[in-house]
Amino acid sequence: ECRENATGNLYMAKIVPYEPESKQTVLQEYDILKSLHHEKVMALHEAYVTPRYLVLISECCSGKELLYSLIDRSETAMY
């Protein structure tokens, strides 16, 4: 978990290490993730690319298993 200083919102950080020769593949994954906008897919909030890591910051589903949080959100969206 990580917290945004300006808003206090909680997010999840996924740190993906990569080798320099696979940087293009990692950047393609990032491009795909940032283009996804669907209620059943966790939203990508921000991303940072360093020479060795891709850091993905996404919405936080705290308190429950991720699967159950997504199911609850889906059921709420249906009503």
PDB file of N, CA and C in Angstrom:
ATOM      1  N   GLU A   1       0.835  -1.180   0.000  1.00  0.00           N
ATOM      2  CA  GLU A   1       0.000   0.000   0.000  1.00  0.00           C
ATOM      3  C   GLU A   1       0.876   1.237   0.000  1.00  0.00           C
ATOM      4  N   CYS A   2       0.346   2.289  -0.584  1.00  0.00           N
ATOM      5  CA  CYS A   2       1.010   3.587  -0.528  1.00  0.00           C
ATOM      6  C   CYS A   2      -0.078   4.650  -0.444  1.00  0.00           C
ATOM      7  N   ARG A   3       0.272   5.800   0.069  1.00  0.00           N
ATOM      8  CA  ARG A   3      -0.701   6.866   0.278  1.00  0.00           C
ATOM      9  C   ARG A   3      -0.265   8.108  -0.496  1.00  0.00           C
ATOM     10  N   GLU A   4      -1.215   8.711  -1.204  1.00  0.00           N
ATOM     11  CA  GLU A   4      -0.947   9.950  -1.928  1.00  0.00           C
ATOM     12  C   GLU A   4      -0.950  11.104  -0.927  1.00  0.00           C
ATOM     13  N   ASN A   5       0.128  11.849  -0.873  1.00  0.00           N
ATOM     14  CA  ASN A   5       0.247  12.935   0.100  1.00  0.00           C
ATOM     15  C   ASN A   5      -0.824  13.998  -0.071  1.00  0.00           C
ATOM     16  N   ALA A   6      -1.106  14.397  -1.290  1.00  0.00           N
ATOM     17  CA  ALA A   6      -2.033  15.503  -1.543  1.00  0.00           C
ATOM     18  C   ALA A   6      -3.462  15.184  -1.113  1.00  0.00           C
ATOM     19  N   THR A   7      -3.900  13.941  -1.314  1.00  0.00           N
ATOM     20  CA  THR A   7      -5.300  13.586  -1.045  1.00  0.00           C
ATOM     21  C   THR A   7      -5.481  12.645   0.133  1.00  0.00           C
ATOM     22  N   GLY A   8      -4.439  11.921   0.508  1.00  0.00           N
ATOM     23  CA  GLY A   8      -4.565  10.915   1.550  1.00  0.00           C
ATOM     24  C   GLY A   8      -5.136   9.599   1.052  1.00  0.00           C
ATOM     25  N   ASN A   9      -5.413   9.499  -0.250  1.00  0.00           N
ATOM     26  CA  ASN A   9      -5.972   8.273  -0.822  1.00  0.00           C
ATOM     27  C   ASN A   9      -4.953   7.142  -0.778  1.00  0.00           C
ATOM     28  N   LEU A  10      -5.462   5.925  -0.529  1.00  0.00           N
ATOM     29  CA  LEU A  10      -4.617   4.737  -0.526  1.00  0.00           C
ATOM     30  C   LEU A  10      -4.569   4.110  -1.908  1.00  0.00           C
ATOM     31  N   TYR A  11      -3.397   3.643  -2.294  1.00  0.00           N
ATOM     32  CA  TYR A  11      -3.196   2.955  -3.562  1.00  0.00           C
ATOM     33  C   TYR A  11      -2.309   1.746  -3.321  1.00  0.00           C
ATOM     34  N   MET A  12      -2.232   0.881  -4.312  1.00  0.00           N
ATOM     35  CA  MET A  12      -1.321  -0.261  -4.275  1.00  0.00           C
ATOM     36  C   MET A  12      -0.178   0.024  -5.238  1.00  0.00           C
ATOM     37  N   ALA A  13       1.009  -0.392  -4.854  1.00  0.00           N
ATOM     38  CA  ALA A  13       2.172  -0.250  -5.729  1.00  0.00           C
ATOM     39  C   ALA A  13       2.682  -1.632  -6.100  1.00  0.00           C
ATOM     40  N   LYS A  14       2.841  -1.861  -7.385  1.00  0.00           N
ATOM     41  CA  LYS A  14       3.443  -3.099  -7.874  1.00  0.00           C
ATOM     42  C   LYS A  14       4.769  -2.711  -8.513  1.00  0.00           C
ATOM     43  N   ILE A  15       5.840  -3.275  -8.005  1.00  0.00           N
ATOM     44  CA  ILE A  15       7.175  -2.959  -8.503  1.00  0.00           C
ATOM     45  C   ILE A  15       7.641  -4.124  -9.364  1.00  0.00           C
ATOM     46  N   VAL A  16       7.855  -3.842 -10.640  1.00  0.00           N
ATOM     47  CA  VAL A  16       8.219  -4.874 -11.609  1.00  0.00           C
ATOM     48  C   VAL A  16       9.665  -4.649 -12.049  1.00  0.00           C
ATOM     49  N   PRO A  17      10.591  -5.513 -11.597  1.00  0.00           N
ATOM     50  CA  PRO A  17      11.972  -5.370 -12.067  1.00  0.00           C
ATOM     51  C   PRO A  17      12.094  -5.865 -13.508  1.00  0.00           C
ATOM     52  N   TYR A  18      12.999  -5.271 -14.249  1.00  0.00           N
ATOM     53  CA  TYR A  18      13.223  -5.719 -15.627  1.00  0.00           C
ATOM     54  C   TYR A  18      14.675  -5.480 -16.016  1.00  0.00           C
ATOM     55  N   GLU A  19      15.108  -6.238 -16.988  1.00  0.00           N
ATOM     56  CA  GLU A  19      16.450  -6.090 -17.544  1.00  0.00           C
ATOM     57  C   GLU A  19      16.387  -5.070 -18.686  1.00  0.00           C
ATOM     58  N   PRO A  20      17.469  -4.364 -18.955  1.00  0.00           N
ATOM     59  CA  PRO A  20      17.451  -3.359 -20.027  1.00  0.00           C
ATOM     60  C   PRO A  20      16.965  -3.901 -21.371  1.00  0.00           C
ATOM     61  N   GLU A  21      17.286  -5.155 -21.687  1.00  0.00           N
ATOM     62  CA  GLU A  21      16.868  -5.702 -22.983  1.00  0.00           C
ATOM     63  C   GLU A  21      15.367  -5.981 -23.048  1.00  0.00           C
ATOM     64  N   SER A  22      14.675  -6.004 -21.905  1.00  0.00           N
ATOM     65  CA  SER A  22      13.222  -6.234 -21.926  1.00  0.00           C
ATOM     66  C   SER A  22      12.430  -4.956 -21.659  1.00  0.00           C
ATOM     67  N   LYS A  23      13.101  -3.813 -21.694  1.00  0.00           N
ATOM     68  CA  LYS A  23      12.429  -2.546 -21.398  1.00  0.00           C
ATOM     69  C   LYS A  23      11.262  -2.294 -22.349  1.00  0.00           C
ATOM     70  N   GLN A  24      11.411  -2.603 -23.610  1.00  0.00           N
ATOM     71  CA  GLN A  24      10.344  -2.369 -24.589  1.00  0.00           C
ATOM     72  C   GLN A  24       9.091  -3.167 -24.234  1.00  0.00           C
ATOM     73  N   THR A  25       9.268  -4.405 -23.817  1.00  0.00           N
ATOM     74  CA  THR A  25       8.136  -5.249 -23.421  1.00  0.00           C
ATOM     75  C   THR A  25       7.437  -4.676 -22.196  1.00  0.00           C
ATOM     76  N   VAL A  26       8.209  -4.212 -21.229  1.00  0.00           N
ATOM     77  CA  VAL A  26       7.648  -3.615 -20.017  1.00  0.00           C
ATOM     78  C   VAL A  26       6.862  -2.355 -20.366  1.00  0.00           C
ATOM     79  N   LEU A  27       7.382  -1.539 -21.250  1.00  0.00           N
ATOM     80  CA  LEU A  27       6.677  -0.322 -21.653  1.00  0.00           C
ATOM     81  C   LEU A  27       5.397  -0.640 -22.417  1.00  0.00           C
ATOM     82  N   GLN A  28       5.391  -1.719 -23.178  1.00  0.00           N
ATOM     83  CA  GLN A  28       4.165  -2.139 -23.869  1.00  0.00           C
ATOM     84  C   GLN A  28       3.104  -2.552 -22.856  1.00  0.00           C
ATOM     85  N   GLU A  29       3.510  -3.277 -21.805  1.00  0.00           N
ATOM     86  CA  GLU A  29       2.567  -3.657 -20.750  1.00  0.00           C
ATOM     87  C   GLU A  29       1.968  -2.411 -20.110  1.00  0.00           C
ATOM     88  N   TYR A  30       2.812  -1.434 -19.822  1.00  0.00           N
ATOM     89  CA  TYR A  30       2.342  -0.176 -19.243  1.00  0.00           C
ATOM     90  C   TYR A  30       1.347   0.514 -20.174  1.00  0.00           C
ATOM     91  N   ASP A  31       1.646   0.592 -21.459  1.00  0.00           N
ATOM     92  CA  ASP A  31       0.737   1.223 -22.423  1.00  0.00           C
ATOM     93  C   ASP A  31      -0.621   0.533 -22.456  1.00  0.00           C
ATOM     94  N   ILE A  32      -0.614  -0.787 -22.380  1.00  0.00           N
ATOM     95  CA  ILE A  32      -1.878  -1.533 -22.371  1.00  0.00           C
ATOM     96  C   ILE A  32      -2.659  -1.229 -21.099  1.00  0.00           C
ATOM     97  N   LEU A  33      -1.991  -1.270 -19.955  1.00  0.00           N
ATOM     98  CA  LEU A  33      -2.672  -1.027 -18.686  1.00  0.00           C
ATOM     99  C   LEU A  33      -3.264   0.372 -18.610  1.00  0.00           C
ATOM    100  N   LYS A  34      -2.544   1.373 -19.103  1.00  0.00           N
ATOM    101  CA  LYS A  34      -3.064   2.739 -19.007  1.00  0.00           C
ATOM    102  C   LYS A  34      -4.223   2.980 -19.968  1.00  0.00           C
ATOM    103  N   SER A  35      -4.378   2.122 -20.974  1.00  0.00           N
ATOM    104  CA  SER A  35      -5.488   2.297 -21.920  1.00  0.00           C
ATOM    105  C   SER A  35      -6.763   1.593 -21.462  1.00  0.00           C
ATOM    106  N   LEU A  36      -6.671   0.759 -20.423  1.00  0.00           N
ATOM    107  CA  LEU A  36      -7.843   0.023 -19.949  1.00  0.00           C
ATOM    108  C   LEU A  36      -8.707   0.901 -19.055  1.00  0.00           C
ATOM    109  N   HIS A  37      -9.983   0.981 -19.385  1.00  0.00           N
ATOM    110  CA  HIS A  37     -10.942   1.736 -18.577  1.00  0.00           C
ATOM    111  C   HIS A  37     -12.228   0.926 -18.527  1.00  0.00           C
ATOM    112  N   HIS A  38     -12.366   0.123 -17.478  1.00  0.00           N
ATOM    113  CA  HIS A  38     -13.541  -0.733 -17.341  1.00  0.00           C
ATOM    114  C   HIS A  38     -13.815  -0.918 -15.856  1.00  0.00           C
ATOM    115  N   GLU A  39     -15.081  -0.983 -15.492  1.00  0.00           N
ATOM    116  CA  GLU A  39     -15.428  -1.090 -14.077  1.00  0.00           C
ATOM    117  C   GLU A  39     -14.927  -2.376 -13.423  1.00  0.00           C
ATOM    118  N   LYS A  40     -14.633  -3.388 -14.203  1.00  0.00           N
ATOM    119  CA  LYS A  40     -14.169  -4.657 -13.636  1.00  0.00           C
ATOM    120  C   LYS A  40     -12.651  -4.809 -13.680  1.00  0.00           C
ATOM    121  N   VAL A  41     -11.965  -3.762 -14.089  1.00  0.00           N
ATOM    122  CA  VAL A  41     -10.501  -3.784 -14.137  1.00  0.00           C
ATOM    123  C   VAL A  41      -9.992  -2.689 -13.211  1.00  0.00           C
ATOM    124  N   MET A  42      -9.061  -3.049 -12.333  1.00  0.00           N
ATOM    125  CA  MET A  42      -8.499  -2.049 -11.429  1.00  0.00           C
ATOM    126  C   MET A  42      -7.873  -0.924 -12.239  1.00  0.00           C
ATOM    127  N   ALA A  43      -8.161   0.287 -11.842  1.00  0.00           N
ATOM    128  CA  ALA A  43      -7.662   1.448 -12.575  1.00  0.00           C
ATOM    129  C   ALA A  43      -6.198   1.714 -12.238  1.00  0.00           C
ATOM    130  N   LEU A  44      -5.433   2.001 -13.264  1.00  0.00           N
ATOM    131  CA  LEU A  44      -4.042   2.407 -13.085  1.00  0.00           C
ATOM    132  C   LEU A  44      -4.038   3.902 -12.794  1.00  0.00           C
ATOM    133  N   HIS A  45      -3.505   4.273 -11.649  1.00  0.00           N
ATOM    134  CA  HIS A  45      -3.494   5.679 -11.237  1.00  0.00           C
ATOM    135  C   HIS A  45      -2.270   6.411 -11.798  1.00  0.00           C
ATOM    136  N   GLU A  46      -1.111   5.807 -11.641  1.00  0.00           N
ATOM    137  CA  GLU A  46       0.137   6.392 -12.138  1.00  0.00           C
ATOM    138  C   GLU A  46       1.136   5.277 -12.392  1.00  0.00           C
ATOM    139  N   ALA A  47       2.199   5.607 -13.063  1.00  0.00           N
ATOM    140  CA  ALA A  47       3.293   4.656 -13.266  1.00  0.00           C
ATOM    141  C   ALA A  47       4.602   5.428 -13.352  1.00  0.00           C
ATOM    142  N   TYR A  48       5.648   4.787 -12.896  1.00  0.00           N
ATOM    143  CA  TYR A  48       6.982   5.371 -12.943  1.00  0.00           C
ATOM    144  C   TYR A  48       7.918   4.352 -13.579  1.00  0.00           C
ATOM    145  N   VAL A  49       8.753   4.802 -14.476  1.00  0.00           N
ATOM    146  CA  VAL A  49       9.722   3.929 -15.124  1.00  0.00           C
ATOM    147  C   VAL A  49      11.113   4.410 -14.731  1.00  0.00           C
ATOM    148  N   THR A  50      11.875   3.500 -14.139  1.00  0.00           N
ATOM    149  CA  THR A  50      13.266   3.786 -13.815  1.00  0.00           C
ATOM    150  C   THR A  50      14.119   2.881 -14.704  1.00  0.00           C
ATOM    151  N   PRO A  51      15.421   3.039 -14.690  1.00  0.00           N
ATOM    152  CA  PRO A  51      16.251   2.169 -15.534  1.00  0.00           C
ATOM    153  C   PRO A  51      16.130   0.675 -15.215  1.00  0.00           C
ATOM    154  N   ARG A  52      15.644   0.313 -14.015  1.00  0.00           N
ATOM    155  CA  ARG A  52      15.553  -1.106 -13.653  1.00  0.00           C
ATOM    156  C   ARG A  52      14.164  -1.560 -13.208  1.00  0.00           C
ATOM    157  N   TYR A  53      13.247  -0.618 -12.975  1.00  0.00           N
ATOM    158  CA  TYR A  53      11.937  -0.985 -12.436  1.00  0.00           C
ATOM    159  C   TYR A  53      10.807  -0.228 -13.126  1.00  0.00           C
ATOM    160  N   LEU A  54       9.671  -0.909 -13.224  1.00  0.00           N
ATOM    161  CA  LEU A  54       8.409  -0.269 -13.581  1.00  0.00           C
ATOM    162  C   LEU A  54       7.581  -0.297 -12.311  1.00  0.00           C
ATOM    163  N   VAL A  55       7.128   0.861 -11.851  1.00  0.00           N
ATOM    164  CA  VAL A  55       6.317   0.945 -10.640  1.00  0.00           C
ATOM    165  C   VAL A  55       4.910   1.345 -11.061  1.00  0.00           C
ATOM    166  N   LEU A  56       3.958   0.445 -10.824  1.00  0.00           N
ATOM    167  CA  LEU A  56       2.563   0.677 -11.186  1.00  0.00           C
ATOM    168  C   LEU A  56       1.784   1.035  -9.928  1.00  0.00           C
ATOM    169  N   ILE A  57       1.095   2.158  -9.957  1.00  0.00           N
ATOM    170  CA  ILE A  57       0.275   2.603  -8.836  1.00  0.00           C
ATOM    171  C   ILE A  57      -1.181   2.456  -9.268  1.00  0.00           C
ATOM    172  N   SER A  58      -1.922   1.610  -8.557  1.00  0.00           N
ATOM    173  CA  SER A  58      -3.312   1.360  -8.941  1.00  0.00           C
ATOM    174  C   SER A  58      -4.225   1.521  -7.736  1.00  0.00           C
ATOM    175  N   GLU A  59      -5.531   1.554  -8.008  1.00  0.00           N
ATOM    176  CA  GLU A  59      -6.488   1.706  -6.928  1.00  0.00           C
ATOM    177  C   GLU A  59      -6.311   0.580  -5.923  1.00  0.00           C
ATOM    178  N   CYS A  60      -6.616   0.880  -4.675  1.00  0.00           N
ATOM    179  CA  CYS A  60      -6.422  -0.070  -3.591  1.00  0.00           C
ATOM    180  C   CYS A  60      -7.752  -0.710  -3.220  1.00  0.00           C
ATOM    181  N   CYS A  61      -7.767  -2.014  -3.159  1.00  0.00           N
ATOM    182  CA  CYS A  61      -8.936  -2.769  -2.709  1.00  0.00           C
ATOM    183  C   CYS A  61      -8.575  -3.352  -1.353  1.00  0.00           C
ATOM    184  N   SER A  62      -8.725  -2.566  -0.308  1.00  0.00           N
ATOM    185  CA  SER A  62      -8.285  -3.018   1.009  1.00  0.00           C
ATOM    186  C   SER A  62      -9.416  -3.706   1.764  1.00  0.00           C
ATOM    187  N   GLY A  63      -9.025  -4.519   2.713  1.00  0.00           N
ATOM    188  CA  GLY A  63      -9.989  -5.152   3.594  1.00  0.00           C
ATOM    189  C   GLY A  63     -10.547  -6.464   3.091  1.00  0.00           C
ATOM    190  N   LYS A  64     -10.397  -6.762   1.837  1.00  0.00           N
ATOM    191  CA  LYS A  64     -10.922  -7.993   1.263  1.00  0.00           C
ATOM    192  C   LYS A  64      -9.920  -8.535   0.263  1.00  0.00           C
ATOM    193  N   GLU A  65     -10.132  -9.771  -0.100  1.00  0.00           N
ATOM    194  CA  GLU A  65      -9.385 -10.317  -1.224  1.00  0.00           C
ATOM    195  C   GLU A  65      -9.767  -9.517  -2.464  1.00  0.00           C
ATOM    196  N   LEU A  66      -8.853  -9.332  -3.352  1.00  0.00           N
ATOM    197  CA  LEU A  66      -9.101  -8.571  -4.573  1.00  0.00           C
ATOM    198  C   LEU A  66     -10.315  -9.099  -5.321  1.00  0.00           C
ATOM    199  N   LEU A  67     -10.424 -10.397  -5.447  1.00  0.00           N
ATOM    200  CA  LEU A  67     -11.537 -10.990  -6.183  1.00  0.00           C
ATOM    201  C   LEU A  67     -12.868 -10.552  -5.595  1.00  0.00           C
ATOM    202  N   TYR A  68     -13.005 -10.589  -4.262  1.00  0.00           N
ATOM    203  CA  TYR A  68     -14.276 -10.227  -3.636  1.00  0.00           C
ATOM    204  C   TYR A  68     -14.577  -8.742  -3.793  1.00  0.00           C
ATOM    205  N   SER A  69     -13.568  -7.903  -3.759  1.00  0.00           N
ATOM    206  CA  SER A  69     -13.780  -6.469  -3.976  1.00  0.00           C
ATOM    207  C   SER A  69     -14.292  -6.204  -5.382  1.00  0.00           C
ATOM    208  N   LEU A  70     -13.729  -6.887  -6.367  1.00  0.00           N
ATOM    209  CA  LEU A  70     -14.173  -6.698  -7.748  1.00  0.00           C
ATOM    210  C   LEU A  70     -15.585  -7.230  -7.955  1.00  0.00           C
ATOM    211  N   ILE A  71     -15.930  -8.340  -7.310  1.00  0.00           N
ATOM    212  CA  ILE A  71     -17.289  -8.875  -7.414  1.00  0.00           C
ATOM    213  C   ILE A  71     -18.284  -7.899  -6.813  1.00  0.00           C
ATOM    214  N   ASP A  72     -17.981  -7.357  -5.622  1.00  0.00           N
ATOM    215  CA  ASP A  72     -18.872  -6.383  -4.989  1.00  0.00           C
ATOM    216  C   ASP A  72     -19.073  -5.167  -5.873  1.00  0.00           C
ATOM    217  N   ARG A  73     -18.013  -4.664  -6.473  1.00  0.00           N
ATOM    218  CA  ARG A  73     -18.111  -3.491  -7.336  1.00  0.00           C
ATOM    219  C   ARG A  73     -18.982  -3.803  -8.546  1.00  0.00           C
ATOM    220  N   SER A  74     -18.824  -4.985  -9.096  1.00  0.00           N
ATOM    221  CA  SER A  74     -19.603  -5.399 -10.259  1.00  0.00           C
ATOM    222  C   SER A  74     -21.081  -5.479  -9.913  1.00  0.00           C
ATOM    223  N   GLU A  75     -21.410  -6.061  -8.764  1.00  0.00           N
ATOM    224  CA  GLU A  75     -22.808  -6.180  -8.356  1.00  0.00           C
ATOM    225  C   GLU A  75     -23.419  -4.816  -8.089  1.00  0.00           C
ATOM    226  N   THR A  76     -22.662  -3.905  -7.502  1.00  0.00           N
ATOM    227  CA  THR A  76     -23.152  -2.556  -7.244  1.00  0.00           C
ATOM    228  C   THR A  76     -23.416  -1.817  -8.549  1.00  0.00           C
ATOM    229  N   ALA A  77     -22.565  -2.005  -9.534  1.00  0.00           N
ATOM    230  CA  ALA A  77     -22.722  -1.324 -10.827  1.00  0.00           C
ATOM    231  C   ALA A  77     -23.958  -1.805 -11.568  1.00  0.00           C
ATOM    232  N   MET A  78     -24.413  -3.018 -11.270  1.00  0.00           N
ATOM    233  CA  MET A  78     -25.584  -3.561 -11.962  1.00  0.00           C
ATOM    234  C   MET A  78     -26.878  -2.890 -11.522  1.00  0.00           C
ATOM    235  N   TYR A  79     -26.913  -2.335 -10.308  1.00  0.00           N
ATOM    236  CA  TYR A  79     -28.156  -1.768  -9.780  1.00  0.00           C
ATOM    237  C   TYR A  79     -28.328  -0.339 -10.121  1.00  0.00           C
TER     238      TYR A  79
END
